[in-house]
mmCIF file of all heavy atoms, coordinates in Angstrom:
data_MODEL
# 
_entry.id   MODEL 
# 
loop_
_atom_site.group_PDB 
_atom_site.id 
_atom_site.type_symbol 
_atom_site.label_atom_id 
_atom_site.label_alt_id 
_atom_site.label_comp_id 
_atom_site.label_asym_id 
_atom_site.label_entity_id 
_atom_site.label_seq_id 
_atom_site.pdbx_PDB_ins_code 
_atom_site.Cartn_x 
_atom_site.Cartn_y 
_atom_site.Cartn_z 
_atom_site.occupancy 
_atom_site.B_iso_or_equiv 
_atom_site.pdbx_formal_charge 
_atom_site.auth_seq_id 
_atom_site.auth_comp_id 
_atom_site.auth_asym_id 
_atom_site.auth_atom_id 
_atom_site.pdbx_PDB_model_num 
ATOM 1   N N   . VAL A 1 1  ? 0.859  -1.177  0.000   1.00 0.00 ? 1  VAL A N   1 
ATOM 2   C CA  . VAL A 1 1  ? 0.000  0.000   0.000   1.00 0.00 ? 1  VAL A CA  1 
ATOM 3   C C   . VAL A 1 1  ? 0.900  1.233   0.000   1.00 0.00 ? 1  VAL A C   1 
ATOM 4   O O   . VAL A 1 1  ? 1.813  1.343   0.826   1.00 0.00 ? 1  VAL A O   1 
ATOM 5   C CB  . VAL A 1 1  ? -0.914 0.018   1.251   1.00 0.00 ? 1  VAL A CB  1 
ATOM 6   C CG1 . VAL A 1 1  ? -1.740 1.285   1.298   1.00 0.00 ? 1  VAL A CG1 1 
ATOM 7   C CG2 . VAL A 1 1  ? -1.798 -1.213  1.277   1.00 0.00 ? 1  VAL A CG2 1 
ATOM 8   N N   . PHE A 1 2  ? 0.638  2.159   -0.914  1.00 0.00 ? 2  PHE A N   1 
ATOM 9   C CA  . PHE A 1 2  ? 1.419  3.394   -0.984  1.00 0.00 ? 2  PHE A CA  1 
ATOM 10  C C   . PHE A 1 2  ? 0.665  4.504   -0.275  1.00 0.00 ? 2  PHE A C   1 
ATOM 11  O O   . PHE A 1 2  ? -0.513 4.728   -0.521  1.00 0.00 ? 2  PHE A O   1 
ATOM 12  C CB  . PHE A 1 2  ? 1.677  3.784   -2.441  1.00 0.00 ? 2  PHE A CB  1 
ATOM 13  C CG  . PHE A 1 2  ? 2.397  5.096   -2.591  1.00 0.00 ? 2  PHE A CG  1 
ATOM 14  C CD1 . PHE A 1 2  ? 3.670  5.259   -2.087  1.00 0.00 ? 2  PHE A CD1 1 
ATOM 15  C CD2 . PHE A 1 2  ? 1.798  6.169   -3.228  1.00 0.00 ? 2  PHE A CD2 1 
ATOM 16  C CE1 . PHE A 1 2  ? 4.348  6.475   -2.224  1.00 0.00 ? 2  PHE A CE1 1 
ATOM 17  C CE2 . PHE A 1 2  ? 2.459  7.376   -3.380  1.00 0.00 ? 2  PHE A CE2 1 
ATOM 18  C CZ  . PHE A 1 2  ? 3.731  7.528   -2.869  1.00 0.00 ? 2  PHE A CZ  1 
ATOM 19  N N   . ASP A 1 3  ? 1.359  5.206   0.618   1.00 0.00 ? 3  ASP A N   1 
ATOM 20  C CA  . ASP A 1 3  ? 0.814  6.368   1.314   1.00 0.00 ? 3  ASP A CA  1 
ATOM 21  C C   . ASP A 1 3  ? 1.486  7.602   0.720   1.00 0.00 ? 3  ASP A C   1 
ATOM 22  O O   . ASP A 1 3  ? 2.658  7.875   1.001   1.00 0.00 ? 3  ASP A O   1 
ATOM 23  C CB  . ASP A 1 3  ? 1.104  6.259   2.809   1.00 0.00 ? 3  ASP A CB  1 
ATOM 24  C CG  . ASP A 1 3  ? 0.586  7.447   3.617   1.00 0.00 ? 3  ASP A CG  1 
ATOM 25  O OD1 . ASP A 1 3  ? 0.358  8.539   3.052   1.00 0.00 ? 3  ASP A OD1 1 
ATOM 26  O OD2 . ASP A 1 3  ? 0.405  7.274   4.837   1.00 0.00 ? 3  ASP A OD2 1 
ATOM 27  N N   . ALA A 1 4  ? 0.754  8.322   -0.124  1.00 0.00 ? 4  ALA A N   1 
ATOM 28  C CA  . ALA A 1 4  ? 1.328  9.468   -0.834  1.00 0.00 ? 4  ALA A CA  1 
ATOM 29  C C   . ALA A 1 4  ? 1.753  10.580  0.120   1.00 0.00 ? 4  ALA A C   1 
ATOM 30  O O   . ALA A 1 4  ? 2.784  11.232  -0.098  1.00 0.00 ? 4  ALA A O   1 
ATOM 31  C CB  . ALA A 1 4  ? 0.335  10.001  -1.863  1.00 0.00 ? 4  ALA A CB  1 
ATOM 32  N N   . ALA A 1 5  ? 0.982  10.807  1.175   1.00 0.00 ? 5  ALA A N   1 
ATOM 33  C CA  . ALA A 1 5  ? 1.309  11.883  2.117   1.00 0.00 ? 5  ALA A CA  1 
ATOM 34  C C   . ALA A 1 5  ? 2.632  11.610  2.835   1.00 0.00 ? 5  ALA A C   1 
ATOM 35  O O   . ALA A 1 5  ? 3.446  12.514  3.021   1.00 0.00 ? 5  ALA A O   1 
ATOM 36  C CB  . ALA A 1 5  ? 0.184  12.064  3.126   1.00 0.00 ? 5  ALA A CB  1 
ATOM 37  N N   . ALA A 1 6  ? 2.856  10.369  3.230   1.00 0.00 ? 6  ALA A N   1 
ATOM 38  C CA  . ALA A 1 6  ? 4.083  10.004  3.939   1.00 0.00 ? 6  ALA A CA  1 
ATOM 39  C C   . ALA A 1 6  ? 5.189  9.558   2.993   1.00 0.00 ? 6  ALA A C   1 
ATOM 40  O O   . ALA A 1 6  ? 6.333  9.384   3.409   1.00 0.00 ? 6  ALA A O   1 
ATOM 41  C CB  . ALA A 1 6  ? 3.792  8.890   4.935   1.00 0.00 ? 6  ALA A CB  1 
ATOM 42  N N   . LYS A 1 7  ? 4.825  9.341   1.719   1.00 0.00 ? 7  LYS A N   1 
ATOM 43  C CA  . LYS A 1 7  ? 5.755  8.855   0.698   1.00 0.00 ? 7  LYS A CA  1 
ATOM 44  C C   . LYS A 1 7  ? 6.408  7.537   1.135   1.00 0.00 ? 7  LYS A C   1 
ATOM 45  O O   . LYS A 1 7  ? 7.613  7.362   1.064   1.00 0.00 ? 7  LYS A O   1 
ATOM 46  C CB  . LYS A 1 7  ? 6.803  9.917   0.352   1.00 0.00 ? 7  LYS A CB  1 
ATOM 47  C CG  . LYS A 1 7  ? 7.419  9.730   -1.010  1.00 0.00 ? 7  LYS A CG  1 
ATOM 48  C CD  . LYS A 1 7  ? 8.323  10.865  -1.420  1.00 0.00 ? 7  LYS A CD  1 
ATOM 49  C CE  . LYS A 1 7  ? 8.966  10.530  -2.764  1.00 0.00 ? 7  LYS A CE  1 
ATOM 50  N NZ  . LYS A 1 7  ? 9.969  11.500  -3.159  1.00 0.00 ? 7  LYS A NZ  1 
ATOM 51  N N   . THR A 1 8  ? 5.541  6.618   1.638   1.00 0.00 ? 8  THR A N   1 
ATOM 52  C CA  . THR A 1 8  ? 6.006  5.313   2.086   1.00 0.00 ? 8  THR A CA  1 
ATOM 53  C C   . THR A 1 8  ? 5.192  4.197   1.434   1.00 0.00 ? 8  THR A C   1 
ATOM 54  O O   . THR A 1 8  ? 4.047  4.399   1.040   1.00 0.00 ? 8  THR A O   1 
ATOM 55  C CB  . THR A 1 8  ? 5.901  5.135   3.611   1.00 0.00 ? 8  THR A CB  1 
ATOM 56  O OG1 . THR A 1 8  ? 4.536  5.300   3.993   1.00 0.00 ? 8  THR A OG1 1 
ATOM 57  C CG2 . THR A 1 8  ? 6.773  6.118   4.357   1.00 0.00 ? 8  THR A CG2 1 
ATOM 58  N N   . VAL A 1 9  ? 5.806  3.040   1.359   1.00 0.00 ? 9  VAL A N   1 
ATOM 59  C CA  . VAL A 1 9  ? 5.147  1.830   0.884   1.00 0.00 ? 9  VAL A CA  1 
ATOM 60  C C   . VAL A 1 9  ? 5.190  0.841   2.049   1.00 0.00 ? 9  VAL A C   1 
ATOM 61  O O   . VAL A 1 9  ? 6.240  0.673   2.680   1.00 0.00 ? 9  VAL A O   1 
ATOM 62  C CB  . VAL A 1 9  ? 5.861  1.237   -0.343  1.00 0.00 ? 9  VAL A CB  1 
ATOM 63  C CG1 . VAL A 1 9  ? 5.151  -0.008  -0.823  1.00 0.00 ? 9  VAL A CG1 1 
ATOM 64  C CG2 . VAL A 1 9  ? 5.962  2.265   -1.458  1.00 0.00 ? 9  VAL A CG2 1 
ATOM 65  N N   . THR A 1 10 ? 4.049  0.192   2.322   1.00 0.00 ? 10 THR A N   1 
ATOM 66  C CA  . THR A 1 10 ? 3.970  -0.743  3.443   1.00 0.00 ? 10 THR A CA  1 
ATOM 67  C C   . THR A 1 10 ? 3.311  -2.041  3.006   1.00 0.00 ? 10 THR A C   1 
ATOM 68  O O   . THR A 1 10 ? 2.312  -2.017  2.290   1.00 0.00 ? 10 THR A O   1 
ATOM 69  C CB  . THR A 1 10 ? 3.168  -0.135  4.619   1.00 0.00 ? 10 THR A CB  1 
ATOM 70  O OG1 . THR A 1 10 ? 3.788  1.098   5.007   1.00 0.00 ? 10 THR A OG1 1 
ATOM 71  C CG2 . THR A 1 10 ? 3.121  -1.070  5.811   1.00 0.00 ? 10 THR A CG2 1 
ATOM 72  N N   . TRP A 1 11 ? 3.880  -3.147  3.447   1.00 0.00 ? 11 TRP A N   1 
ATOM 73  C CA  . TRP A 1 11 ? 3.305  -4.473  3.256   1.00 0.00 ? 11 TRP A CA  1 
ATOM 74  C C   . TRP A 1 11 ? 3.086  -5.082  4.632   1.00 0.00 ? 11 TRP A C   1 
ATOM 75  O O   . TRP A 1 11 ? 3.876  -4.850  5.547   1.00 0.00 ? 11 TRP A O   1 
ATOM 76  C CB  . TRP A 1 11 ? 4.258  -5.406  2.514   1.00 0.00 ? 11 TRP A CB  1 
ATOM 77  C CG  . TRP A 1 11 ? 4.601  -5.027  1.131   1.00 0.00 ? 11 TRP A CG  1 
ATOM 78  C CD1 . TRP A 1 11 ? 4.012  -5.470  -0.018  1.00 0.00 ? 11 TRP A CD1 1 
ATOM 79  C CD2 . TRP A 1 11 ? 5.639  -4.132  0.697   1.00 0.00 ? 11 TRP A CD2 1 
ATOM 80  N NE1 . TRP A 1 11 ? 4.604  -4.909  -1.121  1.00 0.00 ? 11 TRP A NE1 1 
ATOM 81  C CE2 . TRP A 1 11 ? 5.611  -4.086  -0.703  1.00 0.00 ? 11 TRP A CE2 1 
ATOM 82  C CE3 . TRP A 1 11 ? 6.589  -3.368  1.373   1.00 0.00 ? 11 TRP A CE3 1 
ATOM 83  C CZ2 . TRP A 1 11 ? 6.499  -3.317  -1.442  1.00 0.00 ? 11 TRP A CZ2 1 
ATOM 84  C CZ3 . TRP A 1 11 ? 7.460  -2.592  0.646   1.00 0.00 ? 11 TRP A CZ3 1 
ATOM 85  C CH2 . TRP A 1 11 ? 7.420  -2.573  -0.747  1.00 0.00 ? 11 TRP A CH2 1 
ATOM 86  N N   . THR A 1 12 ? 2.049  -5.893  4.785   1.00 0.00 ? 12 THR A N   1 
ATOM 87  C CA  . THR A 1 12 ? 1.874  -6.688  5.989   1.00 0.00 ? 12 THR A CA  1 
ATOM 88  C C   . THR A 1 12 ? 2.260  -8.119  5.631   1.00 0.00 ? 12 THR A C   1 
ATOM 89  O O   . THR A 1 12 ? 1.670  -8.725  4.742   1.00 0.00 ? 12 THR A O   1 
ATOM 90  C CB  . THR A 1 12 ? 0.424  -6.633  6.490   1.00 0.00 ? 12 THR A CB  1 
ATOM 91  O OG1 . THR A 1 12 ? 0.101  -5.267  6.793   1.00 0.00 ? 12 THR A OG1 1 
ATOM 92  C CG2 . THR A 1 12 ? 0.245  -7.487  7.732   1.00 0.00 ? 12 THR A CG2 1 
ATOM 93  N N   . VAL A 1 13 ? 3.274  -8.630  6.320   1.00 0.00 ? 13 VAL A N   1 
ATOM 94  C CA  . VAL A 1 13 ? 3.765  -9.986  6.063   1.00 0.00 ? 13 VAL A CA  1 
ATOM 95  C C   . VAL A 1 13 ? 3.157  -10.882 7.151   1.00 0.00 ? 13 VAL A C   1 
ATOM 96  O O   . VAL A 1 13 ? 3.457  -10.706 8.332   1.00 0.00 ? 13 VAL A O   1 
ATOM 97  C CB  . VAL A 1 13 ? 5.308  -10.039 6.078   1.00 0.00 ? 13 VAL A CB  1 
ATOM 98  C CG1 . VAL A 1 13 ? 5.799  -11.442 5.782   1.00 0.00 ? 13 VAL A CG1 1 
ATOM 99  C CG2 . VAL A 1 13 ? 5.879  -9.036  5.076   1.00 0.00 ? 13 VAL A CG2 1 
ATOM 100 N N   . PRO A 1 14 ? 2.316  -11.848 6.745   1.00 0.00 ? 14 PRO A N   1 
ATOM 101 C CA  . PRO A 1 14 ? 1.595  -12.660 7.734   1.00 0.00 ? 14 PRO A CA  1 
ATOM 102 C C   . PRO A 1 14 ? 2.492  -13.405 8.716   1.00 0.00 ? 14 PRO A C   1 
ATOM 103 O O   . PRO A 1 14 ? 2.250  -13.405 9.911   1.00 0.00 ? 14 PRO A O   1 
ATOM 104 C CB  . PRO A 1 14 ? 0.788  -13.644 6.883   1.00 0.00 ? 14 PRO A CB  1 
ATOM 105 C CG  . PRO A 1 14 ? 0.689  -13.010 5.542   1.00 0.00 ? 14 PRO A CG  1 
ATOM 106 C CD  . PRO A 1 14 ? 1.946  -12.200 5.381   1.00 0.00 ? 14 PRO A CD  1 
ATOM 107 N N   . VAL A 1 15 ? 3.550  -14.055 8.219   1.00 0.00 ? 15 VAL A N   1 
ATOM 108 C CA  . VAL A 1 15 ? 4.463  -14.800 9.089   1.00 0.00 ? 15 VAL A CA  1 
ATOM 109 C C   . VAL A 1 15 ? 5.884  -14.647 8.559   1.00 0.00 ? 15 VAL A C   1 
ATOM 110 O O   . VAL A 1 15 ? 6.135  -14.851 7.371   1.00 0.00 ? 15 VAL A O   1 
ATOM 111 C CB  . VAL A 1 15 ? 4.110  -16.310 9.133   1.00 0.00 ? 15 VAL A CB  1 
ATOM 112 C CG1 . VAL A 1 15 ? 5.124  -17.077 9.971   1.00 0.00 ? 15 VAL A CG1 1 
ATOM 113 C CG2 . VAL A 1 15 ? 2.704  -16.525 9.663   1.00 0.00 ? 15 VAL A CG2 1 
ATOM 114 N N   . ILE A 1 16 ? 6.802  -14.288 9.471   1.00 0.00 ? 16 ILE A N   1 
ATOM 115 C CA  . ILE A 1 16 ? 8.229  -14.268 9.151   1.00 0.00 ? 16 ILE A CA  1 
ATOM 116 C C   . ILE A 1 16 ? 8.890  -15.199 10.163  1.00 0.00 ? 16 ILE A C   1 
ATOM 117 O O   . ILE A 1 16 ? 8.939  -14.895 11.356  1.00 0.00 ? 16 ILE A O   1 
ATOM 118 C CB  . ILE A 1 16 ? 8.833  -12.851 9.236   1.00 0.00 ? 16 ILE A CB  1 
ATOM 119 C CG1 . ILE A 1 16 ? 8.069  -11.871 8.350   1.00 0.00 ? 16 ILE A CG1 1 
ATOM 120 C CG2 . ILE A 1 16 ? 10.313 -12.889 8.841   1.00 0.00 ? 16 ILE A CG2 1 
ATOM 121 C CD1 . ILE A 1 16 ? 8.511  -10.428 8.503   1.00 0.00 ? 16 ILE A CD1 1 
ATOM 122 N N   . ALA A 1 17 ? 9.355  -16.328 9.695   1.00 0.00 ? 17 ALA A N   1 
ATOM 123 C CA  . ALA A 1 17 ? 9.961  -17.320 10.579  1.00 0.00 ? 17 ALA A CA  1 
ATOM 124 C C   . ALA A 1 17 ? 11.244 -16.775 11.205  1.00 0.00 ? 17 ALA A C   1 
ATOM 125 O O   . ALA A 1 17 ? 11.854 -15.831 10.694  1.00 0.00 ? 17 ALA A O   1 
ATOM 126 C CB  . ALA A 1 17 ? 10.270 -18.594 9.786   1.00 0.00 ? 17 ALA A CB  1 
ATOM 127 N N   . ALA A 1 18 ? 11.647 -17.385 12.318  1.00 0.00 ? 18 ALA A N   1 
ATOM 128 C CA  . ALA A 1 18 ? 12.913 -17.016 12.955  1.00 0.00 ? 18 ALA A CA  1 
ATOM 129 C C   . ALA A 1 18 ? 14.040 -17.137 11.939  1.00 0.00 ? 18 ALA A C   1 
ATOM 130 O O   . ALA A 1 18 ? 14.111 -18.111 11.192  1.00 0.00 ? 18 ALA A O   1 
ATOM 131 C CB  . ALA A 1 18 ? 13.174 -17.929 14.145  1.00 0.00 ? 18 ALA A CB  1 
ATOM 132 N N   . ALA A 1 19 ? 14.875 -16.127 11.866  1.00 0.00 ? 19 ALA A N   1 
ATOM 133 C CA  . ALA A 1 19 ? 16.042 -16.061 10.977  1.00 0.00 ? 19 ALA A CA  1 
ATOM 134 C C   . ALA A 1 19 ? 15.683 -16.007 9.485   1.00 0.00 ? 19 ALA A C   1 
ATOM 135 O O   . ALA A 1 19 ? 16.563 -16.092 8.641   1.00 0.00 ? 19 ALA A O   1 
ATOM 136 C CB  . ALA A 1 19 ? 17.000 -17.218 11.247  1.00 0.00 ? 19 ALA A CB  1 
ATOM 137 N N   . GLU A 1 20 ? 14.422 -15.835 9.154   1.00 0.00 ? 20 GLU A N   1 
ATOM 138 C CA  . GLU A 1 20 ? 14.019 -15.770 7.746   1.00 0.00 ? 20 GLU A CA  1 
ATOM 139 C C   . GLU A 1 20 ? 14.322 -14.405 7.144   1.00 0.00 ? 20 GLU A C   1 
ATOM 140 O O   . GLU A 1 20 ? 14.187 -13.374 7.795   1.00 0.00 ? 20 GLU A O   1 
ATOM 141 C CB  . GLU A 1 20 ? 12.525 -16.045 7.605   1.00 0.00 ? 20 GLU A CB  1 
ATOM 142 C CG  . GLU A 1 20 ? 12.034 -15.946 6.170   1.00 0.00 ? 20 GLU A CG  1 
ATOM 143 C CD  . GLU A 1 20 ? 10.530 -16.163 6.031   1.00 0.00 ? 20 GLU A CD  1 
ATOM 144 O OE1 . GLU A 1 20 ? 9.814  -16.175 7.033   1.00 0.00 ? 20 GLU A OE1 1 
ATOM 145 O OE2 . GLU A 1 20 ? 10.093 -16.301 4.886   1.00 0.00 ? 20 GLU A OE2 1 
ATOM 146 N N   . THR A 1 21 ? 14.706 -14.418 5.862   1.00 0.00 ? 21 THR A N   1 
ATOM 147 C CA  . THR A 1 21 ? 14.894 -13.194 5.089   1.00 0.00 ? 21 THR A CA  1 
ATOM 148 C C   . THR A 1 21 ? 13.950 -13.263 3.892   1.00 0.00 ? 21 THR A C   1 
ATOM 149 O O   . THR A 1 21 ? 13.786 -14.316 3.282   1.00 0.00 ? 21 THR A O   1 
ATOM 150 C CB  . THR A 1 21 ? 16.352 -13.081 4.598   1.00 0.00 ? 21 THR A CB  1 
ATOM 151 O OG1 . THR A 1 21 ? 17.209 -12.953 5.733   1.00 0.00 ? 21 THR A OG1 1 
ATOM 152 C CG2 . THR A 1 21 ? 16.543 -11.873 3.691   1.00 0.00 ? 21 THR A CG2 1 
ATOM 153 N N   . GLY A 1 22 ? 13.343 -12.136 3.571   1.00 0.00 ? 22 GLY A N   1 
ATOM 154 C CA  . GLY A 1 22 ? 12.465 -12.062 2.414   1.00 0.00 ? 22 GLY A CA  1 
ATOM 155 C C   . GLY A 1 22 ? 12.566 -10.693 1.780   1.00 0.00 ? 22 GLY A C   1 
ATOM 156 O O   . GLY A 1 22 ? 13.265 -9.807  2.293   1.00 0.00 ? 22 GLY A O   1 
ATOM 157 N N   . THR A 1 23 ? 11.899 -10.515 0.661   1.00 0.00 ? 23 THR A N   1 
ATOM 158 C CA  . THR A 1 23 ? 11.940 -9.222  -0.021  1.00 0.00 ? 23 THR A CA  1 
ATOM 159 C C   . THR A 1 23 ? 10.566 -8.836  -0.536  1.00 0.00 ? 23 THR A C   1 
ATOM 160 O O   . THR A 1 23 ? 9.706  -9.686  -0.777  1.00 0.00 ? 23 THR A O   1 
ATOM 161 C CB  . THR A 1 23 ? 12.917 -9.229  -1.221  1.00 0.00 ? 23 THR A CB  1 
ATOM 162 O OG1 . THR A 1 23 ? 12.497 -10.208 -2.160  1.00 0.00 ? 23 THR A OG1 1 
ATOM 163 C CG2 . THR A 1 23 ? 14.344 -9.483  -0.794  1.00 0.00 ? 23 THR A CG2 1 
ATOM 164 N N   . ARG A 1 24 ? 10.388 -7.562  -0.708  1.00 0.00 ? 24 ARG A N   1 
ATOM 165 C CA  . ARG A 1 24 ? 9.253  -6.974  -1.417  1.00 0.00 ? 24 ARG A CA  1 
ATOM 166 C C   . ARG A 1 24 ? 9.849  -5.905  -2.321  1.00 0.00 ? 24 ARG A C   1 
ATOM 167 O O   . ARG A 1 24 ? 10.940 -5.376  -2.053  1.00 0.00 ? 24 ARG A O   1 
ATOM 168 C CB  . ARG A 1 24 ? 8.237  -6.340  -0.459  1.00 0.00 ? 24 ARG A CB  1 
ATOM 169 C CG  . ARG A 1 24 ? 7.553  -7.321  0.489   1.00 0.00 ? 24 ARG A CG  1 
ATOM 170 C CD  . ARG A 1 24 ? 6.650  -8.264  -0.282  1.00 0.00 ? 24 ARG A CD  1 
ATOM 171 N NE  . ARG A 1 24 ? 5.824  -9.084  0.572   1.00 0.00 ? 24 ARG A NE  1 
ATOM 172 C CZ  . ARG A 1 24 ? 6.143  -10.303 0.995   1.00 0.00 ? 24 ARG A CZ  1 
ATOM 173 N NH1 . ARG A 1 24 ? 7.301  -10.823 0.661   1.00 0.00 ? 24 ARG A NH1 1 
ATOM 174 N NH2 . ARG A 1 24 ? 5.323  -11.000 1.747   1.00 0.00 ? 24 ARG A NH2 1 
ATOM 175 N N   . GLN A 1 25 ? 9.149  -5.560  -3.397  1.00 0.00 ? 25 GLN A N   1 
ATOM 176 C CA  . GLN A 1 25 ? 9.688  -4.578  -4.336  1.00 0.00 ? 25 GLN A CA  1 
ATOM 177 C C   . GLN A 1 25 ? 8.625  -3.581  -4.769  1.00 0.00 ? 25 GLN A C   1 
ATOM 178 O O   . GLN A 1 25 ? 7.431  -3.897  -4.770  1.00 0.00 ? 25 GLN A O   1 
ATOM 179 C CB  . GLN A 1 25 ? 10.233 -5.274  -5.576  1.00 0.00 ? 25 GLN A CB  1 
ATOM 180 C CG  . GLN A 1 25 ? 11.419 -6.159  -5.305  1.00 0.00 ? 25 GLN A CG  1 
ATOM 181 C CD  . GLN A 1 25 ? 11.933 -6.836  -6.560  1.00 0.00 ? 25 GLN A CD  1 
ATOM 182 O OE1 . GLN A 1 25 ? 11.174 -7.207  -7.435  1.00 0.00 ? 25 GLN A OE1 1 
ATOM 183 N NE2 . GLN A 1 25 ? 13.251 -6.971  -6.648  1.00 0.00 ? 25 GLN A NE2 1 
ATOM 184 N N   . PHE A 1 26 ? 9.107  -2.410  -5.147  1.00 0.00 ? 26 PHE A N   1 
ATOM 185 C CA  . PHE A 1 26 ? 8.271  -1.423  -5.828  1.00 0.00 ? 26 PHE A CA  1 
ATOM 186 C C   . PHE A 1 26 ? 9.148  -0.710  -6.835  1.00 0.00 ? 26 PHE A C   1 
ATOM 187 O O   . PHE A 1 26 ? 10.375 -0.837  -6.824  1.00 0.00 ? 26 PHE A O   1 
ATOM 188 C CB  . PHE A 1 26 ? 7.600  -0.456  -4.845  1.00 0.00 ? 26 PHE A CB  1 
ATOM 189 C CG  . PHE A 1 26 ? 8.534  0.450   -4.081  1.00 0.00 ? 26 PHE A CG  1 
ATOM 190 C CD1 . PHE A 1 26 ? 8.887  1.694   -4.575  1.00 0.00 ? 26 PHE A CD1 1 
ATOM 191 C CD2 . PHE A 1 26 ? 9.034  0.064   -2.856  1.00 0.00 ? 26 PHE A CD2 1 
ATOM 192 C CE1 . PHE A 1 26 ? 9.723  2.542   -3.873  1.00 0.00 ? 26 PHE A CE1 1 
ATOM 193 C CE2 . PHE A 1 26 ? 9.871  0.901   -2.123  1.00 0.00 ? 26 PHE A CE2 1 
ATOM 194 C CZ  . PHE A 1 26 ? 10.213 2.137   -2.638  1.00 0.00 ? 26 PHE A CZ  1 
ATOM 195 N N   . ARG A 1 27 ? 8.508  0.014   -7.710  1.00 0.00 ? 27 ARG A N   1 
ATOM 196 C CA  . ARG A 1 27 ? 9.246  0.754   -8.735  1.00 0.00 ? 27 ARG A CA  1 
ATOM 197 C C   . ARG A 1 27 ? 9.122  2.239   -8.471  1.00 0.00 ? 27 ARG A C   1 
ATOM 198 O O   . ARG A 1 27 ? 8.116  2.718   -7.947  1.00 0.00 ? 27 ARG A O   1 
ATOM 199 C CB  . ARG A 1 27 ? 8.716  0.389   -10.112 1.00 0.00 ? 27 ARG A CB  1 
ATOM 200 C CG  . ARG A 1 27 ? 9.007  -1.076  -10.429 1.00 0.00 ? 27 ARG A CG  1 
ATOM 201 C CD  . ARG A 1 27 ? 8.375  -1.604  -11.683 1.00 0.00 ? 27 ARG A CD  1 
ATOM 202 N NE  . ARG A 1 27 ? 7.932  -0.591  -12.615 1.00 0.00 ? 27 ARG A NE  1 
ATOM 203 C CZ  . ARG A 1 27 ? 8.069  -0.635  -13.914 1.00 0.00 ? 27 ARG A CZ  1 
ATOM 204 N NH1 . ARG A 1 27 ? 8.626  -1.673  -14.468 1.00 0.00 ? 27 ARG A NH1 1 
ATOM 205 N NH2 . ARG A 1 27 ? 7.616  0.308   -14.688 1.00 0.00 ? 27 ARG A NH2 1 
ATOM 206 N N   . ALA A 1 28 ? 10.186 2.956   -8.853  1.00 0.00 ? 28 ALA A N   1 
ATOM 207 C CA  . ALA A 1 28 ? 10.215 4.404   -8.663  1.00 0.00 ? 28 ALA A CA  1 
ATOM 208 C C   . ALA A 1 28 ? 10.879 5.046   -9.876  1.00 0.00 ? 28 ALA A C   1 
ATOM 209 O O   . ALA A 1 28 ? 11.757 4.465   -10.506 1.00 0.00 ? 28 ALA A O   1 
ATOM 210 C CB  . ALA A 1 28 ? 10.976 4.760   -7.397  1.00 0.00 ? 28 ALA A CB  1 
# 
């Protein structure tokens, strides 16, 4: 979700396991 006023992008990740690494992307 992009918040234009704050100029931020936010995702809610349901589960992040211990020591897990993941990524999300957007374009600019």
